[in-house]
Amino acid sequence: MTEPYKLTTKGNGWAIMARKGAGAATDAAWLSLGGFPSHMTAMRVYLALKMRVDR
């Protein structure tokens, strides 16, 4: 199973992307959940989302 969230760079900041739909990874559309100027803030939000899914 592929991850529902991913952390990417955008310009000088960071963005968290969420996979839209339950299709195969090749058919997935990624939506931006928001951008963060700080890597640490983006990582905290990403880990919180990941822990929520893993429960």
Protein backbone atom coordinates (compact mmCIF):
# COMPACT_ATOMS: atom_id res chain seq x y z
CA MET A 1 0.00 0.00 0.00
CA THR A 2 1.29 3.46 -0.84
CA GLU A 3 1.57 6.26 1.66
CA PRO A 4 -1.40 8.66 1.77
CA TYR A 5 0.86 11.67 2.54
CA LYS A 6 4.23 12.85 1.32
CA LEU A 7 6.54 15.72 2.23
CA THR A 8 8.01 17.66 -0.71
CA THR A 9 9.93 20.85 -1.35
CA LYS A 10 8.32 23.78 -3.13
CA GLY A 11 10.56 26.74 -3.89
CA ASN A 12 12.14 27.83 -0.61
CA GLY A 13 9.58 26.02 1.55
CA TRP A 14 8.03 22.65 2.18
CA ALA A 15 4.61 21.25 1.31
CA ILE A 16 2.59 18.29 2.50
CA MET A 17 0.77 16.45 -0.25
CA ALA A 18 -2.23 14.14 0.24
CA ARG A 19 -3.17 11.38 -2.17
CA LYS A 20 -6.67 11.82 -3.56
CA GLY A 21 -8.65 8.63 -4.10
CA ALA A 22 -7.95 5.01 -3.34
CA GLY A 23 -6.75 4.05 -6.81
CA ALA A 24 -3.39 2.68 -7.79
CA ALA A 25 -0.31 4.80 -7.19
CA THR A 26 0.02 5.50 -10.92
CA ASP A 27 -3.53 6.91 -11.05
CA ALA A 28 -3.23 8.96 -7.87
CA ALA A 29 -3.76 12.70 -7.89
CA TRP A 30 -1.86 14.59 -5.22
CA LEU A 31 -3.35 17.64 -3.50
CA SER A 32 -1.34 20.15 -1.50
CA LEU A 33 -2.46 20.47 2.13
CA GLY A 34 -0.37 23.59 2.62
CA GLY A 35 3.09 25.03 2.53
CA PHE A 36 5.48 25.72 5.38
CA PRO A 37 8.60 27.91 5.36
CA SER A 38 10.21 25.82 8.11
CA HIS A 39 11.25 22.21 7.59
CA MET A 40 10.65 21.41 11.26
CA THR A 41 7.04 22.65 11.16
CA ALA A 42 6.34 20.69 8.00
CA MET A 43 7.88 17.56 9.52
CA ARG A 44 5.77 17.88 12.68
CA VAL A 45 2.54 18.21 10.70
CA TYR A 46 3.56 15.33 8.40
CA LEU A 47 4.32 13.03 11.35
CA ALA A 48 1.04 13.97 13.06
CA LEU A 49 -0.89 13.07 9.89
CA LYS A 50 1.07 9.83 9.50
CA MET A 51 0.38 8.79 13.12
CA ARG A 52 -3.32 9.53 12.61
CA VAL A 53 -3.46 7.19 9.59
CA ASP A 54 -1.47 4.43 11.32
CA ARG A 55 -3.95 4.15 14.19
